[in-house]
């Protein structure tokens, strides 16, 4: 681990079986708003804000394996965070695991606040 790099944190964000295929859900992990998607039987986790105008992607839907933004129907690959069609807009993605007791997402730890 590089000096100054902090260990990552795994957060339980969903209970087992609570996300059906082609479903999307907004969750919070370490104060970070995330979107968890199940598409084609696989899980993905991304930042919950569309890079276009900040719409909550957790209010979107899955269509043909793509995460669709609820505001202007921009389509993102939920596993890579890239915008379909080759534009340069991207969403940060996170490691996600389905365990016996639920769905977990790995994120950097919350930043400490001065005070």
N, C-alpha and C. Protein backbone atom coordinates (compact mmCIF):
# COMPACT_ATOMS: atom_id res chain seq x y z
N UNK A 1 0.85 -1.17 0.00
CA UNK A 1 0.00 0.00 0.00
C UNK A 1 0.89 1.23 0.00
N UNK A 2 0.61 2.18 -0.88
CA UNK A 2 1.38 3.41 -0.95
C UNK A 2 1.18 4.25 0.29
N UNK A 3 2.20 5.04 0.64
CA UNK A 3 2.09 5.94 1.78
C UNK A 3 0.93 6.90 1.53
N UNK A 4 0.08 7.08 2.52
CA UNK A 4 -1.06 7.97 2.39
C UNK A 4 -2.29 7.28 1.85
N UNK A 5 -2.13 6.09 1.26
CA UNK A 5 -3.28 5.34 0.76
C UNK A 5 -3.95 4.63 1.93
N UNK A 6 -5.25 4.75 2.00
CA UNK A 6 -5.98 4.12 3.10
C UNK A 6 -6.63 2.84 2.61
N UNK A 7 -6.77 1.86 3.50
CA UNK A 7 -7.40 0.61 3.08
C UNK A 7 -8.84 0.84 2.65
N UNK A 8 -9.30 0.00 1.75
CA UNK A 8 -10.68 0.11 1.27
C UNK A 8 -11.61 -0.59 2.26
N UNK A 9 -12.89 -0.26 2.18
CA UNK A 9 -13.88 -0.75 3.11
C UNK A 9 -14.97 -1.49 2.34
N UNK A 10 -15.39 -2.64 2.85
CA UNK A 10 -16.53 -3.37 2.28
C UNK A 10 -17.76 -3.05 3.11
N UNK A 11 -18.83 -2.61 2.46
CA UNK A 11 -20.09 -2.28 3.13
C UNK A 11 -21.19 -3.22 2.66
N UNK A 12 -21.96 -3.72 3.60
CA UNK A 12 -23.16 -4.46 3.21
C UNK A 12 -24.20 -3.43 2.81
N UNK A 13 -24.72 -3.54 1.57
CA UNK A 13 -25.67 -2.55 1.07
C UNK A 13 -27.06 -3.10 0.80
N UNK A 14 -27.17 -4.42 0.65
CA UNK A 14 -28.47 -5.05 0.38
C UNK A 14 -28.54 -6.41 1.05
N UNK A 15 -29.74 -6.81 1.42
CA UNK A 15 -29.97 -8.14 1.97
C UNK A 15 -29.96 -9.17 0.85
N UNK A 16 -29.74 -10.44 1.19
CA UNK A 16 -29.74 -11.47 0.16
C UNK A 16 -31.09 -11.52 -0.57
N UNK A 17 -31.04 -11.71 -1.87
CA UNK A 17 -32.26 -11.87 -2.65
C UNK A 17 -33.10 -10.62 -2.84
N UNK A 18 -32.59 -9.45 -2.45
CA UNK A 18 -33.41 -8.23 -2.52
C UNK A 18 -33.29 -7.48 -3.85
N UNK A 19 -32.45 -7.98 -4.76
CA UNK A 19 -32.29 -7.31 -6.05
C UNK A 19 -32.49 -8.34 -7.16
N UNK A 20 -33.61 -8.24 -7.86
CA UNK A 20 -33.93 -9.16 -8.95
C UNK A 20 -33.09 -8.82 -10.18
N UNK A 21 -33.08 -9.73 -11.15
CA UNK A 21 -32.37 -9.46 -12.39
C UNK A 21 -33.02 -8.29 -13.11
N UNK A 22 -32.20 -7.46 -13.76
CA UNK A 22 -32.63 -6.24 -14.45
C UNK A 22 -33.28 -5.25 -13.49
N UNK A 23 -32.78 -5.22 -12.25
CA UNK A 23 -33.26 -4.28 -11.24
C UNK A 23 -32.13 -3.34 -10.86
N UNK A 24 -32.49 -2.17 -10.35
CA UNK A 24 -31.55 -1.12 -9.96
C UNK A 24 -31.96 -0.59 -8.60
N UNK A 25 -30.98 -0.26 -7.75
CA UNK A 25 -31.30 0.25 -6.42
C UNK A 25 -30.26 1.26 -5.99
N UNK A 26 -30.71 2.38 -5.41
CA UNK A 26 -29.79 3.35 -4.79
C UNK A 26 -29.47 2.87 -3.39
N UNK A 27 -28.20 2.97 -3.00
CA UNK A 27 -27.73 2.58 -1.67
C UNK A 27 -26.69 3.60 -1.21
N UNK A 28 -26.30 3.51 0.05
CA UNK A 28 -25.26 4.37 0.59
C UNK A 28 -24.20 3.51 1.26
N UNK A 29 -22.94 3.86 1.03
CA UNK A 29 -21.81 3.14 1.63
C UNK A 29 -20.74 4.17 2.00
N UNK A 30 -20.40 4.24 3.28
CA UNK A 30 -19.39 5.19 3.76
C UNK A 30 -19.73 6.62 3.33
N UNK A 31 -21.01 6.98 3.37
CA UNK A 31 -21.44 8.31 3.01
C UNK A 31 -21.47 8.58 1.51
N UNK A 32 -21.20 7.57 0.71
CA UNK A 32 -21.14 7.70 -0.74
C UNK A 32 -22.43 7.14 -1.33
N UNK A 33 -23.11 7.93 -2.18
CA UNK A 33 -24.33 7.47 -2.86
C UNK A 33 -23.94 6.58 -4.03
N UNK A 34 -24.43 5.35 -4.01
CA UNK A 34 -24.12 4.37 -5.04
C UNK A 34 -25.39 3.82 -5.66
N UNK A 35 -25.22 3.18 -6.78
CA UNK A 35 -26.28 2.50 -7.50
C UNK A 35 -25.83 1.07 -7.69
N UNK A 36 -26.65 0.11 -7.28
CA UNK A 36 -26.34 -1.30 -7.48
C UNK A 36 -27.30 -1.84 -8.54
N UNK A 37 -26.75 -2.57 -9.50
CA UNK A 37 -27.49 -3.07 -10.65
C UNK A 37 -27.28 -4.58 -10.75
N UNK A 38 -28.35 -5.30 -11.07
CA UNK A 38 -28.21 -6.70 -11.44
C UNK A 38 -28.68 -6.80 -12.90
N UNK A 39 -27.77 -7.16 -13.78
CA UNK A 39 -28.08 -7.27 -15.21
C UNK A 39 -27.47 -8.56 -15.74
N UNK A 40 -28.27 -9.35 -16.40
CA UNK A 40 -27.77 -10.62 -16.92
C UNK A 40 -27.26 -11.54 -15.84
N UNK A 41 -27.84 -11.43 -14.63
CA UNK A 41 -27.43 -12.27 -13.52
C UNK A 41 -26.18 -11.81 -12.80
N UNK A 42 -25.54 -10.75 -13.28
CA UNK A 42 -24.31 -10.22 -12.66
C UNK A 42 -24.61 -8.94 -11.91
N UNK A 43 -23.84 -8.68 -10.86
CA UNK A 43 -23.97 -7.45 -10.08
C UNK A 43 -22.95 -6.42 -10.50
N UNK A 44 -23.34 -5.15 -10.42
CA UNK A 44 -22.44 -4.03 -10.67
C UNK A 44 -22.76 -2.95 -9.64
N UNK A 45 -21.76 -2.13 -9.31
CA UNK A 45 -21.95 -1.00 -8.41
C UNK A 45 -21.26 0.21 -9.01
N UNK A 46 -21.96 1.35 -9.02
CA UNK A 46 -21.46 2.59 -9.62
C UNK A 46 -21.85 3.77 -8.75
N UNK A 47 -21.23 4.93 -9.02
CA UNK A 47 -21.71 6.15 -8.40
C UNK A 47 -23.16 6.35 -8.83
N UNK A 48 -23.97 6.95 -7.96
CA UNK A 48 -25.41 7.06 -8.21
C UNK A 48 -25.80 8.33 -8.96
N UNK A 49 -24.85 9.10 -9.44
CA UNK A 49 -25.18 10.34 -10.15
C UNK A 49 -24.74 10.26 -11.60
N UNK A 50 -25.66 10.54 -12.51
CA UNK A 50 -25.32 10.59 -13.93
C UNK A 50 -24.35 11.76 -14.15
N UNK A 51 -23.28 11.55 -14.90
CA UNK A 51 -22.32 12.64 -15.12
C UNK A 51 -22.88 13.77 -15.97
N UNK A 52 -24.01 13.57 -16.61
CA UNK A 52 -24.61 14.60 -17.46
C UNK A 52 -25.22 15.70 -16.62
N UNK A 53 -26.23 15.36 -15.79
CA UNK A 53 -26.88 16.38 -14.96
C UNK A 53 -27.15 15.90 -13.54
N UNK A 54 -26.47 14.84 -13.11
CA UNK A 54 -26.55 14.40 -11.73
C UNK A 54 -27.79 13.63 -11.35
N UNK A 55 -28.59 13.19 -12.30
CA UNK A 55 -29.80 12.42 -11.99
C UNK A 55 -29.42 11.16 -11.22
N UNK A 56 -30.24 10.74 -10.25
CA UNK A 56 -29.94 9.52 -9.50
C UNK A 56 -30.16 8.28 -10.38
N UNK A 57 -29.09 7.58 -10.68
CA UNK A 57 -29.18 6.40 -11.55
C UNK A 57 -29.98 5.27 -10.92
N UNK A 58 -30.09 5.27 -9.59
CA UNK A 58 -30.90 4.27 -8.90
C UNK A 58 -32.37 4.40 -9.23
N UNK A 59 -32.78 5.53 -9.81
CA UNK A 59 -34.16 5.69 -10.28
C UNK A 59 -34.31 5.24 -11.72
N UNK A 60 -33.23 4.78 -12.32
CA UNK A 60 -33.25 4.35 -13.71
C UNK A 60 -33.70 2.91 -13.84
N UNK A 61 -33.37 2.31 -14.99
CA UNK A 61 -33.78 0.93 -15.25
C UNK A 61 -32.74 0.27 -16.14
N UNK A 62 -32.86 -1.06 -16.28
CA UNK A 62 -31.96 -1.83 -17.12
C UNK A 62 -32.70 -2.20 -18.40
N UNK A 63 -32.03 -1.95 -19.52
CA UNK A 63 -32.59 -2.27 -20.83
C UNK A 63 -31.49 -2.87 -21.69
N UNK A 64 -31.68 -4.11 -22.13
CA UNK A 64 -30.69 -4.80 -22.94
C UNK A 64 -29.31 -4.79 -22.29
N UNK A 65 -29.27 -4.96 -20.97
CA UNK A 65 -28.02 -5.02 -20.23
C UNK A 65 -27.40 -3.69 -19.89
N UNK A 66 -28.02 -2.58 -20.30
CA UNK A 66 -27.49 -1.24 -20.02
C UNK A 66 -28.30 -0.55 -18.94
N UNK A 67 -27.63 0.25 -18.13
CA UNK A 67 -28.28 1.07 -17.12
C UNK A 67 -28.73 2.37 -17.78
N UNK A 68 -30.03 2.66 -17.70
CA UNK A 68 -30.60 3.82 -18.37
C UNK A 68 -30.86 4.92 -17.34
N UNK A 69 -30.32 6.11 -17.60
CA UNK A 69 -30.53 7.27 -16.73
C UNK A 69 -32.00 7.70 -16.82
N UNK A 70 -32.63 7.99 -15.69
CA UNK A 70 -34.05 8.35 -15.71
C UNK A 70 -34.34 9.74 -16.28
N UNK A 71 -33.34 10.61 -16.37
CA UNK A 71 -33.61 11.97 -16.82
C UNK A 71 -33.61 12.11 -18.34
N UNK A 72 -32.56 11.65 -19.00
CA UNK A 72 -32.46 11.82 -20.46
C UNK A 72 -32.17 10.52 -21.20
N UNK A 73 -32.33 9.40 -20.51
CA UNK A 73 -32.18 8.07 -21.09
C UNK A 73 -30.78 7.78 -21.64
N UNK A 74 -29.75 8.42 -21.05
CA UNK A 74 -28.39 8.04 -21.42
C UNK A 74 -28.19 6.59 -20.96
N UNK A 75 -27.49 5.80 -21.76
CA UNK A 75 -27.31 4.37 -21.48
C UNK A 75 -25.85 4.10 -21.12
N UNK A 76 -25.63 3.48 -19.97
CA UNK A 76 -24.29 3.17 -19.47
C UNK A 76 -24.12 1.66 -19.33
N UNK A 77 -22.91 1.19 -19.60
CA UNK A 77 -22.56 -0.19 -19.27
C UNK A 77 -22.36 -0.21 -17.76
N UNK A 78 -23.18 -0.95 -17.01
CA UNK A 78 -23.06 -0.90 -15.55
C UNK A 78 -21.79 -1.53 -15.02
N UNK A 79 -21.11 -2.34 -15.84
CA UNK A 79 -19.91 -3.03 -15.37
C UNK A 79 -18.63 -2.22 -15.61
N UNK A 80 -18.62 -1.40 -16.64
CA UNK A 80 -17.44 -0.58 -16.93
C UNK A 80 -17.67 0.90 -16.61
N UNK A 81 -18.93 1.32 -16.53
CA UNK A 81 -19.26 2.72 -16.28
C UNK A 81 -19.20 3.59 -17.52
N UNK A 82 -18.94 2.99 -18.69
CA UNK A 82 -18.82 3.79 -19.90
C UNK A 82 -20.18 4.06 -20.53
N UNK A 83 -20.29 5.20 -21.18
CA UNK A 83 -21.50 5.60 -21.88
C UNK A 83 -21.57 4.85 -23.19
N UNK A 84 -22.71 4.22 -23.47
CA UNK A 84 -22.89 3.51 -24.74
C UNK A 84 -22.77 4.50 -25.89
N UNK A 85 -22.18 4.08 -26.97
CA UNK A 85 -22.02 4.95 -28.12
C UNK A 85 -20.66 5.61 -28.19
N UNK A 86 -19.79 5.35 -27.22
CA UNK A 86 -18.42 5.81 -27.32
C UNK A 86 -18.12 7.21 -26.83
N UNK A 87 -19.09 7.91 -26.25
CA UNK A 87 -18.79 9.24 -25.71
C UNK A 87 -17.85 9.09 -24.51
N UNK A 88 -17.30 10.18 -24.08
CA UNK A 88 -16.27 10.13 -23.04
C UNK A 88 -16.81 10.23 -21.61
N UNK A 89 -18.11 10.30 -21.44
CA UNK A 89 -18.67 10.35 -20.09
C UNK A 89 -18.51 8.98 -19.44
N UNK A 90 -18.07 8.95 -18.19
CA UNK A 90 -17.90 7.71 -17.45
C UNK A 90 -18.40 7.87 -16.03
N UNK A 91 -18.78 6.75 -15.46
CA UNK A 91 -19.19 6.71 -14.06
C UNK A 91 -18.20 5.81 -13.34
N UNK A 92 -17.79 6.19 -12.15
CA UNK A 92 -16.89 5.36 -11.36
C UNK A 92 -17.62 4.09 -10.94
N UNK A 93 -16.94 2.95 -11.12
CA UNK A 93 -17.49 1.67 -10.70
C UNK A 93 -16.72 1.15 -9.48
N UNK A 94 -17.33 0.22 -8.78
CA UNK A 94 -16.76 -0.33 -7.55
C UNK A 94 -16.88 -1.85 -7.57
N UNK A 95 -15.97 -2.50 -6.86
CA UNK A 95 -16.06 -3.95 -6.70
C UNK A 95 -17.32 -4.27 -5.91
N UNK A 96 -17.99 -5.34 -6.30
CA UNK A 96 -19.21 -5.76 -5.63
C UNK A 96 -19.20 -7.28 -5.50
N UNK A 97 -19.68 -7.78 -4.36
CA UNK A 97 -19.72 -9.22 -4.12
C UNK A 97 -21.07 -9.59 -3.54
N UNK A 98 -21.57 -10.73 -3.97
CA UNK A 98 -22.77 -11.29 -3.35
C UNK A 98 -22.31 -12.38 -2.40
N UNK A 99 -22.58 -12.20 -1.13
CA UNK A 99 -22.19 -13.16 -0.10
C UNK A 99 -23.46 -13.80 0.47
N UNK A 100 -23.29 -14.79 1.30
CA UNK A 100 -24.44 -15.50 1.87
C UNK A 100 -25.37 -14.57 2.63
N UNK A 101 -24.81 -13.53 3.26
CA UNK A 101 -25.64 -12.64 4.07
C UNK A 101 -26.02 -11.34 3.38
N UNK A 102 -25.66 -11.17 2.10
CA UNK A 102 -26.07 -9.96 1.40
C UNK A 102 -25.10 -9.54 0.31
N UNK A 103 -25.35 -8.33 -0.22
CA UNK A 103 -24.53 -7.74 -1.27
C UNK A 103 -23.60 -6.71 -0.64
N UNK A 104 -22.32 -6.79 -0.97
CA UNK A 104 -21.30 -5.90 -0.42
C UNK A 104 -20.61 -5.13 -1.54
N UNK A 105 -20.28 -3.87 -1.25
CA UNK A 105 -19.56 -3.02 -2.19
C UNK A 105 -18.29 -2.53 -1.50
N UNK A 106 -17.19 -2.48 -2.26
CA UNK A 106 -15.90 -2.01 -1.74
C UNK A 106 -15.66 -0.58 -2.19
N UNK A 107 -15.44 0.32 -1.22
CA UNK A 107 -15.18 1.73 -1.52
C UNK A 107 -14.03 2.24 -0.67
N UNK A 108 -13.45 3.39 -1.06
CA UNK A 108 -12.47 4.02 -0.16
C UNK A 108 -13.19 4.43 1.12
N UNK A 109 -12.50 4.46 2.25
CA UNK A 109 -13.15 4.88 3.49
C UNK A 109 -13.57 6.34 3.42
N UNK A 110 -14.60 6.68 4.19
CA UNK A 110 -15.06 8.07 4.24
C UNK A 110 -13.91 8.95 4.71
N UNK A 111 -13.84 10.15 4.17
CA UNK A 111 -12.81 11.08 4.58
C UNK A 111 -13.11 11.60 5.98
N UNK A 112 -12.08 11.70 6.77
CA UNK A 112 -12.25 12.24 8.12
C UNK A 112 -12.52 13.74 8.01
N UNK A 113 -13.38 14.23 8.86
CA UNK A 113 -13.65 15.67 8.87
C UNK A 113 -12.89 16.31 9.99
N UNK A 114 -12.41 17.52 9.75
CA UNK A 114 -11.68 18.26 10.78
C UNK A 114 -12.67 18.73 11.83
N UNK A 115 -12.24 18.74 13.01
CA UNK A 115 -13.15 19.28 14.01
C UNK A 115 -12.82 18.81 15.32
